[in-house]
Amino acid sequence: MLKYVNTGVVFQEIPDETTLSVNISGCPNHCPGCHSAYLWQDIGNVLDEQAIDKMVNCFGQSITCICLMGGDNDVVEVQRLAEYIHHRYGETYKVGWYSGRIRLPKSFERQKFDYIKLGPYIAHLGPLNNPKTNQRLYRRVEDGSFEDITHRFWRNTI
């Protein structure tokens, strides 16, 4: 079972999307320097279909993407919720998953997602907006493959 602590409409997590960010608790990764260490705890409300529907009813057309931030403690449930969002809402919302994993599990069904971020936070490498980061954001393209779009977070500096 997944639990979420809070949500927020954000503009920087997924390029070109207005994203409803859903912060999932129970993170097993415990990355040193994590900016959301409170999410290591098993706290919050149950994240299920009813919770997703309530969020969608609240934010409606003001969002274009729903991003599940975490959920590494129950990857099967993350996939199931992604499938639910696509089935229930069709093309209305893209679905993203932010994971602290280094790689996807072999049985992971990535086609259920439009965006997938992988990589633990490593302080000296920085987050996605640092060109030295180990983290990567992938976008599913028309042929079903995923392209690395991490560079979209990097700003040109003089």
Protein backbone atom coordinates (compact mmCIF):
# COMPACT_ATOMS: atom_id res chain seq x y z
CA MET A 1 0.00 0.00 0.00
CA LEU A 2 1.22 3.45 -0.90
CA LYS A 3 0.67 6.56 1.18
CA TYR A 4 1.09 10.17 0.15
CA VAL A 5 1.91 13.12 2.36
CA ASN A 6 1.11 16.10 0.16
CA THR A 7 0.60 17.33 -3.37
CA GLY A 8 1.40 20.46 -5.29
CA VAL A 9 1.08 21.90 -8.75
CA VAL A 10 4.61 22.38 -10.06
CA PHE A 11 6.18 23.58 -13.28
CA GLN A 12 9.77 22.32 -13.04
CA GLU A 13 9.48 18.55 -12.49
CA ILE A 14 8.41 17.63 -16.03
CA PRO A 15 9.35 19.94 -18.94
CA ASP A 16 6.40 21.45 -20.84
CA GLU A 17 3.86 20.08 -18.34
CA THR A 18 1.85 21.57 -15.50
CA THR A 19 2.34 18.75 -13.06
CA LEU A 20 0.45 17.56 -10.03
CA SER A 21 3.30 16.28 -7.87
CA VAL A 22 2.20 13.55 -5.43
CA ASN A 23 4.79 13.02 -2.65
CA ILE A 24 4.74 9.38 -1.59
CA SER A 25 6.04 8.34 1.83
CA GLY A 26 7.89 5.20 2.89
CA CYS A 27 10.94 5.80 0.70
CA PRO A 28 13.42 2.96 1.22
CA ASN A 29 16.33 4.71 -0.52
CA HIS A 30 17.40 7.09 2.29
CA CYS A 31 19.74 9.08 0.07
CA PRO A 32 22.27 11.09 2.12
CA GLY A 33 21.41 14.79 1.81
CA CYS A 34 17.83 14.08 0.75
CA HIS A 35 15.75 17.29 0.75
CA SER A 36 12.61 15.30 1.64
CA ALA A 37 13.81 13.01 4.43
CA TYR A 38 10.37 13.24 6.06
CA LEU A 39 9.19 10.97 3.20
CA TRP A 40 11.29 8.12 4.61
CA GLN A 41 8.60 7.62 7.25
CA ASP A 42 5.44 5.57 6.75
CA ILE A 43 3.06 8.53 7.07
CA GLY A 44 0.19 10.15 5.25
CA ASN A 45 -3.01 9.11 3.53
CA VAL A 46 -3.66 6.02 1.43
CA LEU A 47 -2.90 6.60 -2.24
CA ASP A 48 -5.48 4.68 -4.22
CA GLU A 49 -8.00 5.24 -7.02
CA GLN A 50 -10.30 7.29 -4.79
CA ALA A 51 -7.43 9.57 -3.76
CA ILE A 52 -6.40 10.02 -7.41
CA ASP A 53 -9.99 10.84 -8.40
CA LYS A 54 -10.25 13.38 -5.58
CA MET A 55 -7.03 15.07 -6.74
CA VAL A 56 -8.23 15.18 -10.34
CA ASN A 57 -11.59 16.61 -9.24
CA CYS A 58 -9.73 19.30 -7.31
CA PHE A 59 -7.19 20.30 -9.98
CA GLY A 60 -9.00 19.26 -13.18
CA GLN A 61 -7.88 21.07 -16.29
CA SER A 62 -5.27 23.15 -14.48
CA ILE A 63 -2.85 20.19 -14.76
CA THR A 64 -1.52 18.19 -17.71
CA CYS A 65 0.52 15.56 -15.86
CA ILE A 66 0.36 13.54 -12.65
CA CYS A 67 3.78 12.61 -11.27
CA LEU A 68 4.15 10.02 -8.54
CA MET A 69 7.15 11.16 -6.53
CA GLY A 70 8.51 8.00 -4.95
CA GLY A 71 6.81 4.70 -4.33
CA ASP A 72 9.96 2.63 -4.55
CA ASN A 73 8.62 0.61 -1.64
CA ASP A 74 5.77 -0.77 -3.83
CA VAL A 75 6.61 -0.56 -7.52
CA VAL A 76 3.73 -2.86 -8.49
CA GLU A 77 1.26 -0.42 -6.93
CA VAL A 78 2.92 2.54 -8.67
CA GLN A 79 2.44 0.77 -12.00
CA ARG A 80 -1.15 -0.12 -11.16
CA LEU A 81 -2.00 3.51 -10.34
CA ALA A 82 -0.35 4.72 -13.56
CA GLU A 83 -2.46 2.22 -15.49
CA TYR A 84 -5.57 3.41 -13.64
CA ILE A 85 -4.90 7.06 -14.51
CA HIS A 86 -4.45 6.25 -18.20
CA HIS A 87 -7.50 3.98 -18.28
CA ARG A 88 -9.79 6.34 -16.32
CA TYR A 89 -8.66 9.64 -17.86
CA GLY A 90 -7.34 8.61 -21.27
CA GLU A 91 -5.11 11.16 -22.94
CA THR A 92 -6.11 13.94 -20.53
CA TYR A 93 -3.07 13.47 -18.27
CA LYS A 94 0.46 12.28 -18.79
CA VAL A 95 1.84 10.10 -15.99
CA GLY A 96 5.33 10.36 -14.54
CA TRP A 97 7.25 8.48 -11.89
CA TYR A 98 10.24 9.80 -9.95
CA SER A 99 12.28 6.92 -8.54
CA GLY A 100 15.48 6.86 -6.54
CA ARG A 101 16.40 3.53 -8.10
CA ILE A 102 19.51 3.19 -10.24
CA ARG A 103 17.60 1.12 -12.81
CA LEU A 104 14.12 -0.22 -13.36
CA PRO A 105 13.25 -3.71 -12.06
CA LYS A 106 13.21 -6.34 -14.82
CA SER A 107 9.46 -6.88 -14.52
CA PHE A 108 8.70 -3.14 -14.61
CA GLU A 109 6.19 -2.13 -17.29
CA ARG A 110 7.54 1.23 -18.35
CA GLN A 111 4.93 1.63 -21.10
CA LYS A 112 2.45 2.58 -18.37
CA PHE A 113 4.34 5.86 -17.96
CA ASP A 114 5.00 8.90 -20.12
CA TYR A 115 7.97 10.05 -18.01
CA ILE A 116 10.36 8.20 -15.72
CA LYS A 117 13.10 9.74 -13.57
CA LEU A 118 15.77 7.40 -12.26
CA GLY A 119 18.67 7.84 -9.90
CA PRO A 120 19.34 8.37 -6.24
CA TYR A 121 20.20 11.85 -5.07
CA ILE A 122 23.98 12.16 -4.70
CA ALA A 123 24.79 15.52 -3.15
CA HIS A 124 28.10 16.20 -4.92
CA LEU A 125 26.50 15.42 -8.32
CA GLY A 126 23.40 17.51 -7.65
CA PRO A 127 19.81 17.28 -8.85
CA LEU A 128 18.45 17.17 -12.39
CA ASN A 129 19.31 20.82 -13.09
CA ASN A 130 23.04 20.14 -12.58
CA PRO A 131 24.82 18.90 -15.73
CA LYS A 132 26.96 16.63 -13.49
CA THR A 133 23.91 14.83 -12.07
CA ASN A 134 23.63 11.06 -12.08
CA GLN A 135 19.83 11.36 -12.25
CA ARG A 136 18.06 11.05 -15.60
CA LEU A 137 14.59 11.92 -16.85
CA TYR A 138 13.20 9.88 -19.74
CA ARG A 139 10.19 10.62 -21.95
CA ARG A 140 8.28 7.97 -23.90
CA VAL A 141 8.22 8.76 -27.60
CA GLU A 142 5.80 7.63 -30.33
CA ASP A 143 7.57 4.36 -31.10
CA GLY A 144 7.36 3.37 -27.40
CA SER A 145 11.04 3.86 -26.65
CA PHE A 146 12.27 6.33 -24.05
CA GLU A 147 14.56 9.25 -24.75
CA ASP A 148 16.76 10.97 -22.18
CA ILE A 149 15.55 14.56 -21.79
CA THR A 150 17.62 15.45 -18.73
CA HIS A 151 19.41 18.17 -20.70
CA ARG A 152 16.14 20.14 -20.71
CA PHE A 153 16.83 21.06 -17.06
CA TRP A 154 20.24 22.55 -17.77
CA ARG A 155 20.59 26.26 -18.37
CA ASN A 156 23.36 27.68 -20.53
CA THR A 157 25.84 29.58 -18.41
CA ILE A 158 28.41 32.09 -19.62
